[in-house]
């Protein structure tokens, strides 16, 4: 039987949470899948938490970076397009966001709004702000809770 040397399984509970400085009470992200975490060249996936009553301001990802959300728990309003069309989202909702489509998310519930955010391929600088900030602060995109300065304790 072939031994697997790479990491292919990640437990979200073991991945270090990241927020942009000053936004810790708004939005938290745990990067689960990318080149650094599991060796994926064709997918990036993060477990995201938007706190009650908070919002992610509308933004746009350049092509070819479509994005998908899968809502795990909570409820909110997704705003899409230049006219800010509103869509209710809750656990079990799947959202496809084409590249270059303005989108933002608001948590309208009293509990955390938790979702998976999925991108095709590795992200280049400027595609996703929290991904860029994580790499800038840590020097890499992925860190387990028991890692300090990139070294396993």
Protein backbone atom coordinates (compact mmCIF):
# COMPACT_ATOMS: atom_id res chain seq x y z
CA UNK A 1 0.00 0.00 0.00
CA UNK A 2 1.36 3.44 -0.99
CA UNK A 3 2.20 5.81 1.87
CA UNK A 4 0.75 9.29 1.55
CA UNK A 5 3.37 11.88 2.46
CA UNK A 6 1.44 15.06 1.73
CA UNK A 7 -1.33 16.50 3.84
CA UNK A 8 -4.72 15.97 2.15
CA UNK A 9 -6.95 16.20 5.20
CA UNK A 10 -7.36 19.39 7.22
CA UNK A 11 -9.47 19.77 10.35
CA UNK A 12 -10.87 23.31 10.39
CA UNK A 13 -10.74 23.32 14.20
CA UNK A 14 -6.93 22.94 14.01
CA UNK A 15 -6.39 25.83 11.57
CA UNK A 16 -5.44 29.24 12.95
CA UNK A 17 -8.08 31.94 12.48
CA UNK A 18 -7.15 35.19 10.75
CA UNK A 19 -8.72 38.64 10.68
CA UNK A 20 -7.46 41.86 9.17
CA UNK A 21 -6.18 44.11 11.98
CA UNK A 22 -9.07 46.04 13.53
CA UNK A 23 -11.70 43.71 12.04
CA UNK A 24 -11.47 40.85 14.55
CA UNK A 25 -15.04 41.50 15.75
CA UNK A 26 -16.37 41.54 12.16
CA UNK A 27 -14.91 38.74 10.07
CA UNK A 28 -12.68 35.71 10.69
CA UNK A 29 -11.23 33.37 8.06
CA UNK A 30 -9.51 29.98 8.25
CA UNK A 31 -7.77 28.99 5.04
CA UNK A 32 -8.33 25.25 4.50
CA UNK A 33 -7.27 24.40 0.96
CA UNK A 34 -4.60 25.98 -1.23
CA UNK A 35 -1.12 25.14 -2.48
CA UNK A 36 0.53 25.63 0.92
CA UNK A 37 -2.04 23.74 2.98
CA UNK A 38 -2.67 20.59 0.91
CA UNK A 39 -0.82 21.16 -2.36
CA UNK A 40 -3.84 22.21 -4.43
CA UNK A 41 -2.96 24.13 -7.57
CA UNK A 42 -6.57 24.48 -8.74
CA UNK A 43 -8.64 25.40 -5.67
CA UNK A 44 -8.66 27.72 -2.67
CA UNK A 45 -11.23 27.21 0.09
CA UNK A 46 -11.68 29.10 3.35
CA UNK A 47 -14.01 28.64 6.30
CA UNK A 48 -15.38 32.13 7.01
CA UNK A 49 -17.32 33.61 9.92
CA UNK A 50 -19.20 36.90 9.74
CA UNK A 51 -20.26 38.13 13.18
CA UNK A 52 -23.91 39.06 14.00
CA UNK A 53 -24.96 42.47 12.71
CA UNK A 54 -21.73 42.90 10.71
CA UNK A 55 -21.11 43.09 6.98
CA UNK A 56 -18.48 42.50 4.34
CA UNK A 57 -18.44 45.60 2.16
CA UNK A 58 -19.10 45.01 -1.54
CA UNK A 59 -16.09 44.11 -3.65
CA UNK A 60 -15.16 42.60 -7.00
CA UNK A 61 -12.78 39.77 -7.91
CA UNK A 62 -11.07 40.01 -11.30
CA UNK A 63 -11.46 37.32 -13.96
CA UNK A 64 -10.91 34.41 -13.98
CA UNK A 65 -11.69 34.32 -10.24
CA UNK A 66 -15.29 33.22 -9.90
CA UNK A 67 -16.27 32.53 -6.28
CA UNK A 68 -18.74 30.22 -4.60
CA UNK A 69 -20.23 30.37 -1.09
CA UNK A 70 -21.77 27.48 0.75
CA UNK A 71 -23.62 28.72 3.84
CA UNK A 72 -23.06 26.38 6.80
CA UNK A 73 -25.04 28.20 9.49
CA UNK A 74 -26.69 31.51 10.25
CA UNK A 75 -28.60 33.86 7.99
CA UNK A 76 -27.92 36.99 6.06
CA UNK A 77 -28.40 39.14 3.01
CA UNK A 78 -26.18 38.84 -0.05
CA UNK A 79 -26.02 41.94 -2.21
CA UNK A 80 -24.94 41.46 -5.83
CA UNK A 81 -24.49 43.63 -8.89
CA UNK A 82 -24.33 47.39 -9.36
CA UNK A 83 -27.97 47.72 -8.20
CA UNK A 84 -27.25 45.80 -4.96
CA UNK A 85 -29.93 43.19 -5.63
CA UNK A 86 -30.62 41.45 -2.32
CA UNK A 87 -30.90 37.72 -1.70
CA UNK A 88 -31.59 35.99 1.61
CA UNK A 89 -29.10 33.26 2.48
CA UNK A 90 -29.18 30.64 5.23
CA UNK A 91 -27.74 27.21 6.02
CA UNK A 92 -27.73 25.07 2.89
CA UNK A 93 -27.67 28.01 0.43
CA UNK A 94 -25.12 27.81 -2.39
CA UNK A 95 -24.10 31.02 -4.16
CA UNK A 96 -22.19 31.40 -7.42
CA UNK A 97 -20.48 34.77 -7.87
CA UNK A 98 -19.07 35.33 -11.36
CA UNK A 99 -15.80 37.24 -11.64
CA UNK A 100 -16.21 41.03 -11.90
CA UNK A 101 -19.65 40.96 -10.19
CA UNK A 102 -19.85 43.30 -7.20
CA UNK A 103 -20.94 41.42 -4.06
CA UNK A 104 -21.18 41.91 -0.32
CA UNK A 105 -22.63 40.00 2.60
CA UNK A 106 -24.43 41.06 5.79
CA UNK A 107 -25.20 38.91 8.83
CA UNK A 108 -28.83 39.69 9.74
CA UNK A 109 -29.07 37.04 12.45
CA UNK A 110 -28.14 36.84 16.12
CA UNK A 111 -25.63 34.01 15.56
CA UNK A 112 -22.45 33.80 13.49
CA UNK A 113 -22.93 33.47 9.73
CA UNK A 114 -20.51 30.70 8.79
CA UNK A 115 -19.74 29.76 5.19
CA UNK A 116 -17.20 28.24 2.86
CA UNK A 117 -15.68 30.54 0.23
CA UNK A 118 -14.24 28.70 -2.77
CA UNK A 119 -12.09 30.03 -5.62
CA UNK A 120 -10.68 28.27 -8.70
CA UNK A 121 -6.90 28.20 -8.72
CA UNK A 122 -4.28 29.92 -6.63
CA UNK A 123 -4.99 33.56 -5.80
CA UNK A 124 -2.72 36.24 -7.18
CA UNK A 125 -2.08 39.41 -5.16
CA UNK A 126 -5.05 41.77 -5.33
CA UNK A 127 -7.72 39.09 -5.84
CA UNK A 128 -8.74 38.70 -2.18
CA UNK A 129 -7.76 41.20 0.54
CA UNK A 130 -7.83 38.86 3.54
CA UNK A 131 -5.74 36.27 1.66
CA UNK A 132 -3.18 38.99 0.83
CA UNK A 133 -3.09 40.26 4.43
CA UNK A 134 -2.68 36.74 5.84
CA UNK A 135 0.34 36.11 3.58
CA UNK A 136 1.79 39.52 4.44
CA UNK A 137 1.47 39.00 8.21
CA UNK A 138 2.41 35.30 8.41
CA UNK A 139 4.66 35.04 5.36
CA UNK A 140 2.43 32.21 4.17
CA UNK A 141 -1.25 31.46 3.64
CA UNK A 142 -1.77 28.51 6.00
CA UNK A 143 -1.00 28.03 9.66
CA UNK A 144 -2.10 25.46 12.21
CA UNK A 145 -3.05 26.62 15.72
CA UNK A 146 0.03 24.95 17.23
CA UNK A 147 2.45 26.70 14.85
CA UNK A 148 4.39 29.77 15.89
CA UNK A 149 6.30 31.80 13.30
CA UNK A 150 5.90 28.98 10.80
CA UNK A 151 7.59 26.36 12.98
CA UNK A 152 5.74 23.39 14.41
CA UNK A 153 5.92 23.36 18.21
